[in-house]
Amino acid sequence: MLFPCNSNLQWSRCVGSLVAARIALILSGNRMKTGQRLLGLTVVIALLSTLEKEASAQINREAELKGKMVGILGSLVTWPPNAAPSAAKPLTIGVLGNNPFVDGGGVDYLQQKLAGTNSLVLKFADVNAYKDCHILVVAGNADLKQALEKTAGKPVLVVSEAAGLAKQGAAINLVFDMVSNKIRLEINPATARNAGVQINQGLLRSPLVDIVN
């Protein structure tokens, strides 16, 4: 069952609205016999359980795919020699705002992907807490404009997660398709180059990538 929802919050609202409508329809049937109403409520409860599982699966899948994708970006990007990750300077990934890589069960898929590597993940509640990093992920609830102002002139790969933001300053944008359960990347190579960062040509040619300017 598909719903026209393009975010986890909207998905939850869609589920709630559908169930509420079903319950209202059943309870408003004054001519229904008691047994029929009870049967109807049983169906609604079963539907609610199914939809909750579907919504949870969507959220978990989105967190997993985004976490795995960001986890491999360090091997697909080249930084200037004086800023590149090294044995003495681990790859540092900053997350600004709510962590989009954690599923409903508390699993952090970015940390999971980076386990055993020379890397570090920093969490920033707001831009005032920002510290230098190689990749900055701007979560959906964070302000991209403020993040861009904070990283201006620095070799930082800015990654966002809302459709269209690669045209508004992000170098890479992660877009989760709830219908196909897959992730696509919007990449703005010029933005990356302006930050002094080079994106691997193989990634740019991937069928999962949309190049934007």
C-alpha atoms as a PDB file:
ATOM      1  CA  MET A   1       0.000   0.000   0.000  1.00  0.00           C
ATOM      2  CA  LEU A   2       1.480   3.344  -1.084  1.00  0.00           C
ATOM      3  CA  PHE A   3       0.894   6.821   0.311  1.00  0.00           C
ATOM      4  CA  PRO A   4       1.853  10.218  -1.149  1.00  0.00           C
ATOM      5  CA  CYS A   5       4.245  10.992   1.692  1.00  0.00           C
ATOM      6  CA  ASN A   6       7.815  12.178   1.155  1.00  0.00           C
ATOM      7  CA  SER A   7       9.187  12.142   4.696  1.00  0.00           C
ATOM      8  CA  ASN A   8       9.084   9.962   7.797  1.00  0.00           C
ATOM      9  CA  LEU A   9       6.884  12.523   9.581  1.00  0.00           C
ATOM     10  CA  GLN A  10       4.441  12.730   6.680  1.00  0.00           C
ATOM     11  CA  TRP A  11       4.381   8.927   6.460  1.00  0.00           C
ATOM     12  CA  SER A  12       3.362   8.689  10.109  1.00  0.00           C
ATOM     13  CA  ARG A  13       0.657  11.326   9.595  1.00  0.00           C
ATOM     14  CA  CYS A  14      -0.667   9.448   6.561  1.00  0.00           C
ATOM     15  CA  VAL A  15      -0.911   6.261   8.579  1.00  0.00           C
ATOM     16  CA  GLY A  16      -2.675   8.047  11.427  1.00  0.00           C
ATOM     17  CA  SER A  17      -5.110   9.805   9.101  1.00  0.00           C
ATOM     18  CA  LEU A  18      -6.035   6.614   7.289  1.00  0.00           C
ATOM     19  CA  VAL A  19      -6.661   4.678  10.481  1.00  0.00           C
ATOM     20  CA  ALA A  20      -8.630   7.543  12.044  1.00  0.00           C
ATOM     21  CA  ALA A  21     -10.822   7.710   8.939  1.00  0.00           C
ATOM     22  CA  ARG A  22     -11.466   3.981   9.042  1.00  0.00           C
ATOM     23  CA  ILE A  23     -12.413   4.087  12.726  1.00  0.00           C
ATOM     24  CA  ALA A  24     -14.714   7.086  12.217  1.00  0.00           C
ATOM     25  CA  LEU A  25     -16.450   5.316   9.340  1.00  0.00           C
ATOM     26  CA  ILE A  26     -17.048   2.213  11.402  1.00  0.00           C
ATOM     27  CA  LEU A  27     -18.222   4.008  14.530  1.00  0.00           C
ATOM     28  CA  SER A  28     -20.535   6.341  12.616  1.00  0.00           C
ATOM     29  CA  GLY A  29     -22.538   3.444  11.203  1.00  0.00           C
ATOM     30  CA  ASN A  30     -25.564   3.752  13.544  1.00  0.00           C
ATOM     31  CA  ARG A  31     -27.427   1.034  11.698  1.00  0.00           C
ATOM     32  CA  MET A  32     -24.567  -1.430  12.081  1.00  0.00           C
ATOM     33  CA  LYS A  33     -25.095  -4.267  14.458  1.00  0.00           C
ATOM     34  CA  THR A  34     -22.752  -4.499  17.436  1.00  0.00           C
ATOM     35  CA  GLY A  35     -21.088  -7.604  16.032  1.00  0.00           C
ATOM     36  CA  GLN A  36     -20.424  -5.864  12.737  1.00  0.00           C
ATOM     37  CA  ARG A  37     -18.843  -2.888  14.504  1.00  0.00           C
ATOM     38  CA  LEU A  38     -16.642  -5.164  16.603  1.00  0.00           C
ATOM     39  CA  LEU A  39     -15.542  -7.009  13.477  1.00  0.00           C
ATOM     40  CA  GLY A  40     -14.792  -3.691  11.813  1.00  0.00           C
ATOM     41  CA  LEU A  41     -12.688  -2.536  14.742  1.00  0.00           C
ATOM     42  CA  THR A  42     -10.783  -5.811  14.642  1.00  0.00           C
ATOM     43  CA  VAL A  43      -9.969  -5.155  10.982  1.00  0.00           C
ATOM     44  CA  VAL A  44      -8.822  -1.604  11.796  1.00  0.00           C
ATOM     45  CA  ILE A  45      -6.559  -2.827  14.595  1.00  0.00           C
ATOM     46  CA  ALA A  46      -5.009  -5.364  12.238  1.00  0.00           C
ATOM     47  CA  LEU A  47      -4.587  -2.659   9.599  1.00  0.00           C
ATOM     48  CA  LEU A  48      -2.965  -0.312  12.102  1.00  0.00           C
ATOM     49  CA  SER A  49      -0.482  -2.994  13.126  1.00  0.00           C
ATOM     50  CA  THR A  50       0.424  -3.680   9.499  1.00  0.00           C
ATOM     51  CA  LEU A  51       0.838  -0.010   8.619  1.00  0.00           C
ATOM     52  CA  GLU A  52       2.995   0.637  11.673  1.00  0.00           C
ATOM     53  CA  LYS A  53       5.290  -2.194  10.604  1.00  0.00           C
ATOM     54  CA  GLU A  54       5.435  -0.835   7.053  1.00  0.00           C
ATOM     55  CA  ALA A  55       6.252   2.677   8.300  1.00  0.00           C
ATOM     56  CA  SER A  56       8.933   1.324  10.629  1.00  0.00           C
ATOM     57  CA  ALA A  57      10.454  -0.708   7.804  1.00  0.00           C
ATOM     58  CA  GLN A  58      10.559   2.406   5.595  1.00  0.00           C
ATOM     59  CA  ILE A  59      12.281   4.459   8.302  1.00  0.00           C
ATOM     60  CA  ASN A  60      14.799   1.697   9.001  1.00  0.00           C
ATOM     61  CA  ARG A  61      15.541   1.193   5.294  1.00  0.00           C
ATOM     62  CA  GLU A  62      16.090   4.907   4.752  1.00  0.00           C
ATOM     63  CA  ALA A  63      18.464   5.170   7.712  1.00  0.00           C
ATOM     64  CA  GLU A  64      20.377   2.089   6.553  1.00  0.00           C
ATOM     65  CA  LEU A  65      20.851   3.208   2.950  1.00  0.00           C
ATOM     66  CA  LYS A  66      21.832   6.754   3.880  1.00  0.00           C
ATOM     67  CA  GLY A  67      24.245   5.528   6.538  1.00  0.00           C
ATOM     68  CA  LYS A  68      25.935   3.091   4.167  1.00  0.00           C
ATOM     69  CA  MET A  69      26.188   5.685   1.412  1.00  0.00           C
ATOM     70  CA  VAL A  70      27.774   8.358   3.600  1.00  0.00           C
ATOM     71  CA  GLY A  71      30.016   5.668   5.072  1.00  0.00           C
ATOM     72  CA  ILE A  72      31.676   5.044   1.693  1.00  0.00           C
ATOM     73  CA  LEU A  73      31.922   8.661   0.552  1.00  0.00           C
ATOM     74  CA  GLY A  74      35.364   8.992   2.118  1.00  0.00           C
ATOM     75  CA  SER A  75      36.729   6.541  -0.462  1.00  0.00           C
ATOM     76  CA  LEU A  76      35.004   8.333  -3.358  1.00  0.00           C
ATOM     77  CA  VAL A  77      36.176  11.859  -2.640  1.00  0.00           C
ATOM     78  CA  THR A  78      39.603  13.504  -2.839  1.00  0.00           C
ATOM     79  CA  TRP A  79      40.571  16.426  -0.630  1.00  0.00           C
ATOM     80  CA  PRO A  80      43.518  18.817  -1.009  1.00  0.00           C
ATOM     81  CA  PRO A  81      46.776  17.290   0.337  1.00  0.00           C
ATOM     82  CA  ASN A  82      46.862  19.593   3.361  1.00  0.00           C
ATOM     83  CA  ALA A  83      43.292  18.635   4.338  1.00  0.00           C
ATOM     84  CA  ALA A  84      43.063  14.992   3.249  1.00  0.00           C
ATOM     85  CA  PRO A  85      42.390  12.240   5.808  1.00  0.00           C
ATOM     86  CA  SER A  86      45.503  10.339   6.881  1.00  0.00           C
ATOM     87  CA  ALA A  87      46.717   7.942   9.537  1.00  0.00           C
ATOM     88  CA  ALA A  88      47.279  10.929  11.809  1.00  0.00           C
ATOM     89  CA  LYS A  89      44.106  12.712  10.722  1.00  0.00           C
ATOM     90  CA  PRO A  90      41.068  10.401  10.608  1.00  0.00           C
ATOM     91  CA  LEU A  91      38.236  10.953   8.179  1.00  0.00           C
ATOM     92  CA  THR A  92      35.845  13.167  10.124  1.00  0.00           C
ATOM     93  CA  ILE A  93      32.139  13.196   9.355  1.00  0.00           C
ATOM     94  CA  GLY A  94      29.949  15.779  11.043  1.00  0.00           C
ATOM     95  CA  VAL A  95      26.193  15.412  11.457  1.00  0.00           C
ATOM     96  CA  LEU A  96      24.307  18.667  11.902  1.00  0.00           C
ATOM     97  CA  GLY A  97      20.846  18.301  13.455  1.00  0.00           C
ATOM     98  CA  ASN A  98      18.919  15.084  14.045  1.00  0.00           C
ATOM     99  CA  ASN A  99      20.895  11.973  13.171  1.00  0.00           C
ATOM    100  CA  PRO A 100      19.327  10.549   9.968  1.00  0.00           C
ATOM    101  CA  PHE A 101      21.306   7.311  10.197  1.00  0.00           C
ATOM    102  CA  VAL A 102      19.599   5.865  13.272  1.00  0.00           C
ATOM    103  CA  ASP A 103      16.652   3.514  12.859  1.00  0.00           C
ATOM    104  CA  GLY A 104      13.669   2.969  15.128  1.00  0.00           C
ATOM    105  CA  GLY A 105      15.597   0.413  17.148  1.00  0.00           C
ATOM    106  CA  GLY A 106      18.516   2.730  17.860  1.00  0.00           C
ATOM    107  CA  VAL A 107      20.940   1.205  15.338  1.00  0.00           C
ATOM    108  CA  ASP A 108      23.317   3.827  13.897  1.00  0.00           C
ATOM    109  CA  TYR A 109      24.082   2.610  10.382  1.00  0.00           C
ATOM    110  CA  LEU A 110      26.788   5.204   9.752  1.00  0.00           C
ATOM    111  CA  GLN A 111      28.718   4.130  12.840  1.00  0.00           C
ATOM    112  CA  GLN A 112      28.118   0.517  11.840  1.00  0.00           C
ATOM    113  CA  LYS A 113      29.530   1.107   8.345  1.00  0.00           C
ATOM    114  CA  LEU A 114      32.580   2.943   9.686  1.00  0.00           C
ATOM    115  CA  ALA A 115      33.393   0.369  12.392  1.00  0.00           C
ATOM    116  CA  GLY A 116      37.064  -0.604  12.282  1.00  0.00           C
ATOM    117  CA  THR A 117      38.080   2.276  10.009  1.00  0.00           C
ATOM    118  CA  ASN A 118      40.194   5.322  10.764  1.00  0.00           C
ATOM    119  CA  SER A 119      37.233   7.660  11.026  1.00  0.00           C
ATOM    120  CA  LEU A 120      35.370   9.829  13.472  1.00  0.00           C
ATOM    121  CA  VAL A 121      31.737  10.979  13.656  1.00  0.00           C
ATOM    122  CA  LEU A 122      30.890  14.274  15.336  1.00  0.00           C
ATOM    123  CA  LYS A 123      27.336  15.339  16.215  1.00  0.00           C
ATOM    124  CA  PHE A 124      26.375  19.017  16.172  1.00  0.00           C
ATOM    125  CA  ALA A 125      23.076  20.195  17.630  1.00  0.00           C
ATOM    126  CA  ASP A 126      23.466  23.508  15.769  1.00  0.00           C
ATOM    127  CA  VAL A 127      26.043  25.391  13.680  1.00  0.00           C
ATOM    128  CA  ASN A 128      27.500  27.049  16.769  1.00  0.00           C
ATOM    129  CA  ALA A 129      28.811  23.642  17.837  1.00  0.00           C
ATOM    130  CA  TYR A 130      30.475  23.007  14.467  1.00  0.00           C
ATOM    131  CA  LYS A 131      34.060  21.774  14.335  1.00  0.00           C
ATOM    132  CA  ASP A 132      36.141  21.158  11.231  1.00  0.00           C
ATOM    133  CA  CYS A 133      35.316  17.969   9.369  1.00  0.00           C
ATOM    134  CA  HIS A 134      35.784  16.441   5.918  1.00  0.00           C
ATOM    135  CA  ILE A 135      32.111  15.695   5.324  1.00  0.00           C
ATOM    136  CA  LEU A 136      29.228  17.611   6.860  1.00  0.00           C
ATOM    137  CA  VAL A 137      25.792  15.989   6.709  1.00  0.00           C
ATOM    138  CA  VAL A 138      23.037  18.564   7.087  1.00  0.00           C
ATOM    139  CA  ALA A 139      19.981  16.745   8.425  1.00  0.00           C
ATOM    140  CA  GLY A 140      16.478  17.603   7.292  1.00  0.00           C
ATOM    141  CA  ASN A 141      15.770  19.692  10.399  1.00  0.00           C
ATOM    142  CA  ALA A 142      18.979  21.741  10.105  1.00  0.00           C
ATOM    143  CA  ASP A 143      19.547  24.986   8.203  1.00  0.00           C
ATOM    144  CA  LEU A 144      21.562  24.410   5.030  1.00  0.00           C
ATOM    145  CA  LYS A 145      22.223  28.121   4.523  1.00  0.00           C
ATOM    146  CA  GLN A 146      23.812  28.443   7.965  1.00  0.00           C
ATOM    147  CA  ALA A 147      25.869  25.295   7.341  1.00  0.00           C
ATOM    148  CA  LEU A 148      27.154  26.704   4.045  1.00  0.00           C
ATOM    149  CA  GLU A 149      28.106  29.977   5.710  1.00  0.00           C
ATOM    150  CA  LYS A 150      29.993  28.051   8.401  1.00  0.00           C
ATOM    151  CA  THR A 151      31.935  25.938   5.898  1.00  0.00           C
ATOM    152  CA  ALA A 152      32.551  28.672   3.296  1.00  0.00           C
ATOM    153  CA  GLY A 153      36.133  28.637   2.009  1.00  0.00           C
ATOM    154  CA  LYS A 154      36.878  25.263   3.595  1.00  0.00           C
ATOM    155  CA  PRO A 155      37.424  21.896   1.852  1.00  0.00           C
ATOM    156  CA  VAL A 156      34.235  20.367   3.245  1.00  0.00           C
ATOM    157  CA  LEU A 157      31.885  18.106   1.311  1.00  0.00           C
ATOM    158  CA  VAL A 158      28.399  19.267   2.319  1.00  0.00           C
ATOM    159  CA  VAL A 159      25.750  16.542   2.100  1.00  0.00           C
ATOM    160  CA  SER A 160      22.024  17.233   2.473  1.00  0.00           C
ATOM    161  CA  GLU A 161      18.947  15.003   2.484  1.00  0.00           C
ATOM    162  CA  ALA A 162      16.059  16.949   0.980  1.00  0.00           C
ATOM    163  CA  ALA A 163      15.158  16.999  -2.703  1.00  0.00           C
ATOM    164  CA  GLY A 164      16.484  20.003  -4.595  1.00  0.00           C
ATOM    165  CA  LEU A 165      19.168  21.101  -2.132  1.00  0.00           C
ATOM    166  CA  ALA A 166      22.014  20.194  -4.497  1.00  0.00           C
ATOM    167  CA  LYS A 167      20.854  23.244  -6.456  1.00  0.00           C
ATOM    168  CA  GLN A 168      20.996  25.365  -3.323  1.00  0.00           C
ATOM    169  CA  GLY A 169      24.575  24.788  -2.232  1.00  0.00           C
ATOM    170  CA  ALA A 170      24.940  21.151  -1.149  1.00  0.00           C
ATOM    171  CA  ALA A 171      27.516  19.139  -3.105  1.00  0.00           C
ATOM    172  CA  ILE A 172      25.622  15.871  -2.647  1.00  0.00           C
ATOM    173  CA  ASN A 173      21.976  15.350  -1.821  1.00  0.00           C
ATOM    174  CA  LEU A 174      20.591  12.003  -0.597  1.00  0.00           C
ATOM    175  CA  VAL A 175      17.055  11.358  -1.824  1.00  0.00           C
ATOM    176  CA  PHE A 176      15.157   8.321  -0.538  1.00  0.00           C
ATOM    177  CA  ASP A 177      12.384   7.025  -2.795  1.00  0.00           C
ATOM    178  CA  MET A 178       9.689   5.503  -0.568  1.00  0.00           C
ATOM    179  CA  VAL A 179       8.068   3.758  -3.538  1.00  0.00           C
ATOM    180  CA  SER A 180      11.135   1.884  -4.771  1.00  0.00           C
ATOM    181  CA  ASN A 181      12.851   1.723  -1.340  1.00  0.00           C
ATOM    182  CA  LYS A 182      16.041   2.946  -2.974  1.00  0.00           C
ATOM    183  CA  ILE A 183      18.269   5.952  -2.619  1.00  0.00           C
ATOM    184  CA  ARG A 184      19.357   8.327  -5.357  1.00  0.00           C
ATOM    185  CA  LEU A 185      22.053  10.977  -5.263  1.00  0.00           C
ATOM    186  CA  GLU A 186      21.807  14.472  -6.629  1.00  0.00           C
ATOM    187  CA  ILE A 187      25.367  15.702  -7.143  1.00  0.00           C
ATOM    188  CA  ASN A 188      26.594  19.178  -8.000  1.00  0.00           C
ATOM    189  CA  PRO A 189      30.232  18.661  -9.123  1.00  0.00           C
ATOM    190  CA  ALA A 190      30.832  22.403  -9.495  1.00  0.00           C
ATOM    191  CA  THR A 191      29.892  23.026  -5.870  1.00  0.00           C
ATOM    192  CA  ALA A 192      32.311  20.310  -4.757  1.00  0.00           C
ATOM    193  CA  ARG A 193      35.112  21.719  -6.915  1.00  0.00           C
ATOM    194  CA  ASN A 194      34.524  25.205  -5.545  1.00  0.00           C
ATOM    195  CA  ALA A 195      35.082  23.764  -2.082  1.00  0.00           C
ATOM    196  CA  GLY A 196      38.351  22.191  -3.271  1.00  0.00           C
ATOM    197  CA  VAL A 197      36.936  18.663  -3.232  1.00  0.00           C
ATOM    198  CA  GLN A 198      36.950  16.208  -6.156  1.00  0.00           C
ATOM    199  CA  ILE A 199      34.254  13.521  -6.531  1.00  0.00           C
ATOM    200  CA  ASN A 200      35.205  10.203  -8.126  1.00  0.00           C
ATOM    201  CA  GLN A 201      34.215  10.018 -11.813  1.00  0.00           C
ATOM    202  CA  GLY A 202      32.875   6.500 -11.351  1.00  0.00           C
ATOM    203  CA  LEU A 203      30.344   7.792  -8.831  1.00  0.00           C
ATOM    204  CA  LEU A 204      29.368  10.652 -11.135  1.00  0.00           C
ATOM    205  CA  ARG A 205      28.627   8.157 -13.929  1.00  0.00           C
ATOM    206  CA  SER A 206      26.534   5.883 -11.720  1.00  0.00           C
ATOM    207  CA  PRO A 207      22.913   5.312 -12.844  1.00  0.00           C
ATOM    208  CA  LEU A 208      21.905   6.174  -9.285  1.00  0.00           C
ATOM    209  CA  VAL A 209      23.219   9.721  -9.686  1.00  0.00           C
ATOM    210  CA  ASP A 210      21.532  12.811 -11.100  1.00  0.00           C
ATOM    211  CA  ILE A 211      23.962  15.591 -12.003  1.00  0.00           C
ATOM    212  CA  VAL A 212      22.666  19.080 -11.223  1.00  0.00           C
ATOM    213  CA  ASN A 213      24.091  22.551 -11.702  1.00  0.00           C
END
